[in-house]
């Protein structure tokens, strides 16, 4: 078989994996919904997955442990009508960090099995709401132990074709979704930005109006193997008609 045909076959059989990460309230759900609809309208089979709901090992037990660790410290926040946290990731205790490190290894193993499942293998595009990067950001620091652990975890995790971090003002995100303390949201954003030290392929989408964020996402899709595959198959552009990257225009 000619090399070109071999490459074309590989592109056609492996699902295209897109991951969205970011602090709560950054607009991930909105962008995922719009991108999913756009791709489906162009005839692509899209599988949407939530890392916490579809991948995280023993998520209910982890929620319970986090609730007990939080105790009554969040009672006032919840009483005011705030969202109830799913996993209390803002609670930083040494034993929770140790437990999370073990759970995240299990998450990576479950992720590999999920991506090998029949449902995943028959999809053209898989879009994740959060990914292993969000887990690492919960415990990441510049300490030697944290960096070594994070590198090991990343090696055990399938790398997405495109990994987006939707940047956002913590104050604005908190106003939209006051699920976690504002101080934690600032800290969580810093952890995500530091992840570029370990994950240079993580694409940071600057804080911008939703339409500009969509354009930035489409810019990267148009320069990915998903667009190459469509060209090989003779289909229309998956993100055709979008303007160039807003970030690129600023350079």
C-alpha atoms as a PDB file:
ATOM      1  CA  UNK A   1       0.000   0.000   0.000  1.00  0.00           C
ATOM      2  CA  UNK A   2       1.272   3.457  -0.876  1.00  0.00           C
ATOM      3  CA  UNK A   3       2.352   5.673   2.053  1.00  0.00           C
ATOM      4  CA  UNK A   4      -0.324   8.259   1.176  1.00  0.00           C
ATOM      5  CA  UNK A   5      -3.091   5.632   1.336  1.00  0.00           C
ATOM      6  CA  UNK A   6      -1.769   4.294   4.640  1.00  0.00           C
ATOM      7  CA  UNK A   7      -1.822   7.783   6.140  1.00  0.00           C
ATOM      8  CA  UNK A   8      -5.293   8.444   4.758  1.00  0.00           C
ATOM      9  CA  UNK A   9      -6.622   5.218   6.281  1.00  0.00           C
ATOM     10  CA  UNK A  10      -5.146   6.061   9.690  1.00  0.00           C
ATOM     11  CA  UNK A  11      -6.701   9.515   9.594  1.00  0.00           C
ATOM     12  CA  UNK A  12     -10.068   8.030   8.682  1.00  0.00           C
ATOM     13  CA  UNK A  13     -10.182   5.358  11.413  1.00  0.00           C
ATOM     14  CA  UNK A  14      -8.977   7.158  14.547  1.00  0.00           C
ATOM     15  CA  UNK A  15     -11.455   9.536  16.217  1.00  0.00           C
ATOM     16  CA  UNK A  16     -10.358  13.159  16.480  1.00  0.00           C
ATOM     17  CA  UNK A  17     -10.065  14.050  20.153  1.00  0.00           C
ATOM     18  CA  UNK A  18     -10.773  17.589  21.416  1.00  0.00           C
ATOM     19  CA  UNK A  19     -10.478  18.540  25.096  1.00  0.00           C
ATOM     20  CA  UNK A  20     -11.798  21.682  26.756  1.00  0.00           C
ATOM     21  CA  UNK A  21     -10.354  22.777  30.093  1.00  0.00           C
ATOM     22  CA  UNK A  22     -10.615  25.863  32.253  1.00  0.00           C
ATOM     23  CA  UNK A  23     -11.894  27.314  35.478  1.00  0.00           C
ATOM     24  CA  UNK A  24     -15.582  26.995  36.296  1.00  0.00           C
ATOM     25  CA  UNK A  25     -17.635  29.634  34.507  1.00  0.00           C
ATOM     26  CA  UNK A  26     -15.138  30.116  31.652  1.00  0.00           C
ATOM     27  CA  UNK A  27     -17.736  29.188  29.014  1.00  0.00           C
ATOM     28  CA  UNK A  28     -16.671  25.627  28.185  1.00  0.00           C
ATOM     29  CA  UNK A  29     -20.203  24.221  27.980  1.00  0.00           C
ATOM     30  CA  UNK A  30     -21.349  26.937  25.574  1.00  0.00           C
ATOM     31  CA  UNK A  31     -18.404  26.399  23.232  1.00  0.00           C
ATOM     32  CA  UNK A  32     -18.729  22.606  23.373  1.00  0.00           C
ATOM     33  CA  UNK A  33     -22.428  22.733  22.532  1.00  0.00           C
ATOM     34  CA  UNK A  34     -21.936  25.063  19.598  1.00  0.00           C
ATOM     35  CA  UNK A  35     -18.946  23.157  18.217  1.00  0.00           C
ATOM     36  CA  UNK A  36     -20.785  19.830  18.569  1.00  0.00           C
ATOM     37  CA  UNK A  37     -23.819  21.141  16.701  1.00  0.00           C
ATOM     38  CA  UNK A  38     -21.637  22.667  13.993  1.00  0.00           C
ATOM     39  CA  UNK A  39     -19.729  19.427  13.386  1.00  0.00           C
ATOM     40  CA  UNK A  40     -22.884  17.299  13.421  1.00  0.00           C
ATOM     41  CA  UNK A  41     -24.499  19.564  10.842  1.00  0.00           C
ATOM     42  CA  UNK A  42     -21.558  18.726   8.586  1.00  0.00           C
ATOM     43  CA  UNK A  43     -22.194  15.006   8.866  1.00  0.00           C
ATOM     44  CA  UNK A  44     -19.597  14.123  11.506  1.00  0.00           C
ATOM     45  CA  UNK A  45     -20.411  11.672  14.278  1.00  0.00           C
ATOM     46  CA  UNK A  46     -19.707  13.536  17.510  1.00  0.00           C
ATOM     47  CA  UNK A  47     -19.418  11.913  20.935  1.00  0.00           C
ATOM     48  CA  UNK A  48     -19.540  14.322  23.867  1.00  0.00           C
ATOM     49  CA  UNK A  49     -18.096  13.159  27.173  1.00  0.00           C
ATOM     50  CA  UNK A  50     -17.740  14.710  30.600  1.00  0.00           C
ATOM     51  CA  UNK A  51     -14.529  13.742  32.370  1.00  0.00           C
ATOM     52  CA  UNK A  52     -16.162  13.740  35.783  1.00  0.00           C
ATOM     53  CA  UNK A  53     -19.294  11.830  34.702  1.00  0.00           C
ATOM     54  CA  UNK A  54     -17.801   9.349  32.228  1.00  0.00           C
ATOM     55  CA  UNK A  55     -14.179   8.871  33.306  1.00  0.00           C
ATOM     56  CA  UNK A  56     -13.587   9.711  36.983  1.00  0.00           C
ATOM     57  CA  UNK A  57     -13.250   6.564  39.078  1.00  0.00           C
ATOM     58  CA  UNK A  58     -15.694   6.242  41.984  1.00  0.00           C
ATOM     59  CA  UNK A  59     -16.891   9.810  41.514  1.00  0.00           C
ATOM     60  CA  UNK A  60     -19.708   9.518  44.076  1.00  0.00           C
ATOM     61  CA  UNK A  61     -17.337   8.278  46.748  1.00  0.00           C
ATOM     62  CA  UNK A  62     -14.893  11.084  45.925  1.00  0.00           C
ATOM     63  CA  UNK A  63     -17.704  13.605  46.276  1.00  0.00           C
ATOM     64  CA  UNK A  64     -18.610  12.177  49.680  1.00  0.00           C
ATOM     65  CA  UNK A  65     -15.017  12.293  50.913  1.00  0.00           C
ATOM     66  CA  UNK A  66     -14.717  15.884  49.750  1.00  0.00           C
ATOM     67  CA  UNK A  67     -17.966  16.814  51.463  1.00  0.00           C
ATOM     68  CA  UNK A  68     -16.769  15.380  54.763  1.00  0.00           C
ATOM     69  CA  UNK A  69     -13.431  17.174  54.452  1.00  0.00           C
ATOM     70  CA  UNK A  70     -15.207  20.437  53.715  1.00  0.00           C
ATOM     71  CA  UNK A  71     -17.387  20.030  56.790  1.00  0.00           C
ATOM     72  CA  UNK A  72     -19.551  23.059  57.453  1.00  0.00           C
ATOM     73  CA  UNK A  73     -17.114  25.590  56.029  1.00  0.00           C
ATOM     74  CA  UNK A  74     -19.209  25.996  52.872  1.00  0.00           C
ATOM     75  CA  UNK A  75     -22.591  26.051  54.583  1.00  0.00           C
ATOM     76  CA  UNK A  76     -22.921  29.812  54.382  1.00  0.00           C
ATOM     77  CA  UNK A  77     -22.013  29.884  50.706  1.00  0.00           C
ATOM     78  CA  UNK A  78     -24.564  27.172  49.865  1.00  0.00           C
ATOM     79  CA  UNK A  79     -27.239  28.900  51.959  1.00  0.00           C
ATOM     80  CA  UNK A  80     -26.868  32.012  49.825  1.00  0.00           C
ATOM     81  CA  UNK A  81     -27.923  30.068  46.740  1.00  0.00           C
ATOM     82  CA  UNK A  82     -24.516  29.268  45.300  1.00  0.00           C
ATOM     83  CA  UNK A  83     -23.895  26.127  43.290  1.00  0.00           C
ATOM     84  CA  UNK A  84     -23.017  23.057  45.329  1.00  0.00           C
ATOM     85  CA  UNK A  85     -19.513  21.836  44.366  1.00  0.00           C
ATOM     86  CA  UNK A  86     -19.312  18.411  42.733  1.00  0.00           C
ATOM     87  CA  UNK A  87     -16.021  17.345  44.228  1.00  0.00           C
ATOM     88  CA  UNK A  88     -14.779  20.053  46.616  1.00  0.00           C
ATOM     89  CA  UNK A  89     -11.536  20.344  44.693  1.00  0.00           C
ATOM     90  CA  UNK A  90     -10.873  23.633  46.477  1.00  0.00           C
ATOM     91  CA  UNK A  91     -10.315  21.798  49.769  1.00  0.00           C
ATOM     92  CA  UNK A  92      -6.550  21.396  50.097  1.00  0.00           C
ATOM     93  CA  UNK A  93      -5.554  18.889  52.759  1.00  0.00           C
ATOM     94  CA  UNK A  94      -2.498  16.650  52.528  1.00  0.00           C
ATOM     95  CA  UNK A  95      -4.469  13.407  52.748  1.00  0.00           C
ATOM     96  CA  UNK A  96      -6.862  14.570  50.016  1.00  0.00           C
ATOM     97  CA  UNK A  97      -3.898  15.376  47.776  1.00  0.00           C
ATOM     98  CA  UNK A  98      -2.541  11.860  48.310  1.00  0.00           C
ATOM     99  CA  UNK A  99      -5.963  10.328  47.610  1.00  0.00           C
ATOM    100  CA  UNK A 100      -6.440  12.453  44.501  1.00  0.00           C
ATOM    101  CA  UNK A 101      -3.048  11.415  43.161  1.00  0.00           C
ATOM    102  CA  UNK A 102      -4.141   7.775  43.369  1.00  0.00           C
ATOM    103  CA  UNK A 103      -7.560   8.438  41.869  1.00  0.00           C
ATOM    104  CA  UNK A 104      -6.056  10.362  38.961  1.00  0.00           C
ATOM    105  CA  UNK A 105      -3.985   7.326  37.991  1.00  0.00           C
ATOM    106  CA  UNK A 106      -7.190   5.298  37.947  1.00  0.00           C
ATOM    107  CA  UNK A 107      -8.816   8.020  35.852  1.00  0.00           C
ATOM    108  CA  UNK A 108      -6.052   7.738  33.250  1.00  0.00           C
ATOM    109  CA  UNK A 109      -6.567   3.955  33.036  1.00  0.00           C
ATOM    110  CA  UNK A 110     -10.344   4.356  32.704  1.00  0.00           C
ATOM    111  CA  UNK A 111      -9.829   6.985  30.028  1.00  0.00           C
ATOM    112  CA  UNK A 112      -7.731   4.605  27.931  1.00  0.00           C
ATOM    113  CA  UNK A 113     -10.402   1.903  28.214  1.00  0.00           C
ATOM    114  CA  UNK A 114     -13.151   4.373  27.325  1.00  0.00           C
ATOM    115  CA  UNK A 115     -11.354   5.547  24.192  1.00  0.00           C
ATOM    116  CA  UNK A 116     -10.942   1.906  23.135  1.00  0.00           C
ATOM    117  CA  UNK A 117     -14.672   1.159  23.560  1.00  0.00           C
ATOM    118  CA  UNK A 118     -16.925   0.542  20.519  1.00  0.00           C
ATOM    119  CA  UNK A 119     -18.879   3.792  21.045  1.00  0.00           C
ATOM    120  CA  UNK A 120     -15.681   5.829  21.048  1.00  0.00           C
ATOM    121  CA  UNK A 121     -14.100   4.023  18.102  1.00  0.00           C
ATOM    122  CA  UNK A 122     -17.140   4.612  15.882  1.00  0.00           C
ATOM    123  CA  UNK A 123     -17.165   8.364  16.485  1.00  0.00           C
ATOM    124  CA  UNK A 124     -15.520  10.821  14.110  1.00  0.00           C
ATOM    125  CA  UNK A 125     -14.936  13.396  16.833  1.00  0.00           C
ATOM    126  CA  UNK A 126     -14.834  13.017  20.614  1.00  0.00           C
ATOM    127  CA  UNK A 127     -15.219  16.203  22.648  1.00  0.00           C
ATOM    128  CA  UNK A 128     -14.328  16.165  26.333  1.00  0.00           C
ATOM    129  CA  UNK A 129     -15.712  18.612  28.865  1.00  0.00           C
ATOM    130  CA  UNK A 130     -12.569  18.734  31.031  1.00  0.00           C
ATOM    131  CA  UNK A 131      -9.645  16.353  30.731  1.00  0.00           C
ATOM    132  CA  UNK A 132      -6.738  15.022  32.769  1.00  0.00           C
ATOM    133  CA  UNK A 133      -5.263  18.535  32.648  1.00  0.00           C
ATOM    134  CA  UNK A 134      -8.055  19.746  34.939  1.00  0.00           C
ATOM    135  CA  UNK A 135      -7.185  16.996  37.403  1.00  0.00           C
ATOM    136  CA  UNK A 136      -3.504  17.922  37.397  1.00  0.00           C
ATOM    137  CA  UNK A 137      -4.358  21.598  37.887  1.00  0.00           C
ATOM    138  CA  UNK A 138      -6.096  20.648  41.153  1.00  0.00           C
ATOM    139  CA  UNK A 139      -2.814  19.512  42.732  1.00  0.00           C
ATOM    140  CA  UNK A 140      -0.084  20.966  40.528  1.00  0.00           C
ATOM    141  CA  UNK A 141       2.745  23.017  41.952  1.00  0.00           C
ATOM    142  CA  UNK A 142       6.347  23.666  40.990  1.00  0.00           C
ATOM    143  CA  UNK A 143       7.616  21.245  43.609  1.00  0.00           C
ATOM    144  CA  UNK A 144       9.828  18.438  42.337  1.00  0.00           C
ATOM    145  CA  UNK A 145       7.396  15.727  43.502  1.00  0.00           C
ATOM    146  CA  UNK A 146       4.376  17.395  41.849  1.00  0.00           C
ATOM    147  CA  UNK A 147       6.210  17.815  38.548  1.00  0.00           C
ATOM    148  CA  UNK A 148       7.437  14.196  38.474  1.00  0.00           C
ATOM    149  CA  UNK A 149       3.972  12.889  39.337  1.00  0.00           C
ATOM    150  CA  UNK A 150       2.346  15.074  36.683  1.00  0.00           C
ATOM    151  CA  UNK A 151       4.789  13.879  34.019  1.00  0.00           C
ATOM    152  CA  UNK A 152       4.065  10.240  34.884  1.00  0.00           C
ATOM    153  CA  UNK A 153       0.326  10.873  34.744  1.00  0.00           C
ATOM    154  CA  UNK A 154       0.603  12.613  31.375  1.00  0.00           C
ATOM    155  CA  UNK A 155       2.556   9.685  29.929  1.00  0.00           C
ATOM    156  CA  UNK A 156      -0.279   7.372  30.933  1.00  0.00           C
ATOM    157  CA  UNK A 157      -2.924   9.594  29.320  1.00  0.00           C
ATOM    158  CA  UNK A 158      -3.813   9.645  25.599  1.00  0.00           C
ATOM    159  CA  UNK A 159      -2.916  13.074  24.208  1.00  0.00           C
ATOM    160  CA  UNK A 160      -5.809  14.943  22.539  1.00  0.00           C
ATOM    161  CA  UNK A 161      -5.467  16.185  18.969  1.00  0.00           C
ATOM    162  CA  UNK A 162      -6.494  19.606  20.260  1.00  0.00           C
ATOM    163  CA  UNK A 163      -6.440  20.632  23.930  1.00  0.00           C
ATOM    164  CA  UNK A 164      -8.021  24.002  24.661  1.00  0.00           C
ATOM    165  CA  UNK A 165      -7.759  25.983  27.867  1.00  0.00           C
ATOM    166  CA  UNK A 166     -10.422  28.686  27.841  1.00  0.00           C
ATOM    167  CA  UNK A 167      -8.925  31.522  29.829  1.00  0.00           C
ATOM    168  CA  UNK A 168     -11.251  33.804  31.751  1.00  0.00           C
ATOM    169  CA  UNK A 169     -11.252  36.448  34.420  1.00  0.00           C
ATOM    170  CA  UNK A 170     -11.777  34.597  37.723  1.00  0.00           C
ATOM    171  CA  UNK A 171     -13.961  37.441  38.978  1.00  0.00           C
ATOM    172  CA  UNK A 172     -16.212  37.331  35.893  1.00  0.00           C
ATOM    173  CA  UNK A 173     -16.327  33.524  35.942  1.00  0.00           C
ATOM    174  CA  UNK A 174     -17.228  33.574  39.644  1.00  0.00           C
ATOM    175  CA  UNK A 175     -20.072  36.003  38.928  1.00  0.00           C
ATOM    176  CA  UNK A 176     -21.467  33.552  36.357  1.00  0.00           C
ATOM    177  CA  UNK A 177     -20.918  30.402  38.413  1.00  0.00           C
ATOM    178  CA  UNK A 178     -20.107  30.957  42.111  1.00  0.00           C
ATOM    179  CA  UNK A 179     -19.447  27.295  42.808  1.00  0.00           C
ATOM    180  CA  UNK A 180     -16.002  27.653  44.366  1.00  0.00           C
ATOM    181  CA  UNK A 181     -14.395  30.424  46.444  1.00  0.00           C
ATOM    182  CA  UNK A 182     -13.002  33.290  44.392  1.00  0.00           C
ATOM    183  CA  UNK A 183      -9.540  32.871  45.911  1.00  0.00           C
ATOM    184  CA  UNK A 184      -9.462  29.258  44.693  1.00  0.00           C
ATOM    185  CA  UNK A 185     -10.500  30.308  41.185  1.00  0.00           C
ATOM    186  CA  UNK A 186      -7.536  32.688  40.952  1.00  0.00           C
ATOM    187  CA  UNK A 187      -5.255  29.903  42.186  1.00  0.00           C
ATOM    188  CA  UNK A 188      -6.798  27.378  39.768  1.00  0.00           C
ATOM    189  CA  UNK A 189      -6.264  29.716  36.808  1.00  0.00           C
ATOM    190  CA  UNK A 190      -2.592  30.157  37.743  1.00  0.00           C
ATOM    191  CA  UNK A 191      -2.200  26.370  37.904  1.00  0.00           C
ATOM    192  CA  UNK A 192      -3.646  25.999  34.404  1.00  0.00           C
ATOM    193  CA  UNK A 193      -1.327  28.633  32.989  1.00  0.00           C
ATOM    194  CA  UNK A 194       1.671  26.926  34.619  1.00  0.00           C
ATOM    195  CA  UNK A 195       0.683  23.645  32.981  1.00  0.00           C
ATOM    196  CA  UNK A 196       2.121  24.963  29.725  1.00  0.00           C
ATOM    197  CA  UNK A 197       5.510  24.174  31.283  1.00  0.00           C
ATOM    198  CA  UNK A 198       4.604  20.471  31.103  1.00  0.00           C
ATOM    199  CA  UNK A 199       2.046  20.512  28.278  1.00  0.00           C
ATOM    200  CA  UNK A 200       3.295  22.940  25.609  1.00  0.00           C
ATOM    201  CA  UNK A 201       0.583  21.708  23.221  1.00  0.00           C
ATOM    202  CA  UNK A 202      -2.110  23.086  25.526  1.00  0.00           C
ATOM    203  CA  UNK A 203      -3.761  25.886  23.521  1.00  0.00           C
ATOM    204  CA  UNK A 204      -4.665  28.906  25.609  1.00  0.00           C
ATOM    205  CA  UNK A 205      -7.709  30.716  24.207  1.00  0.00           C
ATOM    206  CA  UNK A 206      -7.599  34.308  25.505  1.00  0.00           C
ATOM    207  CA  UNK A 207     -10.505  35.745  27.450  1.00  0.00           C
ATOM    208  CA  UNK A 208     -12.738  37.270  24.771  1.00  0.00           C
ATOM    209  CA  UNK A 209     -16.383  37.536  23.654  1.00  0.00           C
ATOM    210  CA  UNK A 210     -17.913  34.113  22.807  1.00  0.00           C
ATOM    211  CA  UNK A 211     -17.876  34.739  19.050  1.00  0.00           C
ATOM    212  CA  UNK A 212     -14.144  35.496  19.106  1.00  0.00           C
ATOM    213  CA  UNK A 213     -13.496  32.376  21.174  1.00  0.00           C
ATOM    214  CA  UNK A 214     -15.414  30.327  18.565  1.00  0.00           C
ATOM    215  CA  UNK A 215     -13.309  31.846  15.787  1.00  0.00           C
ATOM    216  CA  UNK A 216     -10.116  30.986  17.642  1.00  0.00           C
ATOM    217  CA  UNK A 217     -11.252  27.385  18.124  1.00  0.00           C
ATOM    218  CA  UNK A 218     -12.163  27.060  14.437  1.00  0.00           C
ATOM    219  CA  UNK A 219      -8.795  28.507  13.448  1.00  0.00           C
ATOM    220  CA  UNK A 220      -7.039  25.636  15.184  1.00  0.00           C
ATOM    221  CA  UNK A 221      -9.455  23.031  13.802  1.00  0.00           C
ATOM    222  CA  UNK A 222      -8.862  24.279  10.262  1.00  0.00           C
ATOM    223  CA  UNK A 223      -5.136  23.656  10.766  1.00  0.00           C
ATOM    224  CA  UNK A 224      -5.589  20.177  12.246  1.00  0.00           C
ATOM    225  CA  UNK A 225      -5.761  16.643  10.876  1.00  0.00           C
ATOM    226  CA  UNK A 226      -9.573  16.789  11.088  1.00  0.00           C
ATOM    227  CA  UNK A 227      -9.571  19.269   8.219  1.00  0.00           C
ATOM    228  CA  UNK A 228      -6.922  17.224   6.408  1.00  0.00           C
ATOM    229  CA  UNK A 229      -9.089  14.128   6.685  1.00  0.00           C
ATOM    230  CA  UNK A 230     -12.123  15.942   5.299  1.00  0.00           C
ATOM    231  CA  UNK A 231     -10.046  17.176   2.370  1.00  0.00           C
ATOM    232  CA  UNK A 232      -8.926  13.605   1.655  1.00  0.00           C
ATOM    233  CA  UNK A 233     -12.543  12.403   1.742  1.00  0.00           C
ATOM    234  CA  UNK A 234     -13.725  15.324  -0.389  1.00  0.00           C
ATOM    235  CA  UNK A 235     -16.025  16.804   2.252  1.00  0.00           C
ATOM    236  CA  UNK A 236     -16.595  20.464   2.995  1.00  0.00           C
ATOM    237  CA  UNK A 237     -14.527  22.352   5.555  1.00  0.00           C
ATOM    238  CA  UNK A 238     -15.551  21.554   9.120  1.00  0.00           C
ATOM    239  CA  UNK A 239     -15.028  25.166  10.131  1.00  0.00           C
ATOM    240  CA  UNK A 240     -15.370  26.884   6.799  1.00  0.00           C
ATOM    241  CA  UNK A 241     -16.230  30.540   6.557  1.00  0.00           C
ATOM    242  CA  UNK A 242     -14.683  31.527   9.878  1.00  0.00           C
ATOM    243  CA  UNK A 243     -12.296  34.423  10.119  1.00  0.00           C
ATOM    244  CA  UNK A 244      -8.650  34.076  11.134  1.00  0.00           C
ATOM    245  CA  UNK A 245      -7.494  33.558  14.647  1.00  0.00           C
ATOM    246  CA  UNK A 246      -8.054  36.641  16.847  1.00  0.00           C
ATOM    247  CA  UNK A 247      -4.886  35.737  18.732  1.00  0.00           C
ATOM    248  CA  UNK A 248      -2.939  35.596  15.481  1.00  0.00           C
ATOM    249  CA  UNK A 249      -4.284  38.985  14.455  1.00  0.00           C
ATOM    250  CA  UNK A 250      -2.820  40.483  17.623  1.00  0.00           C
ATOM    251  CA  UNK A 251       0.693  39.282  16.807  1.00  0.00           C
END
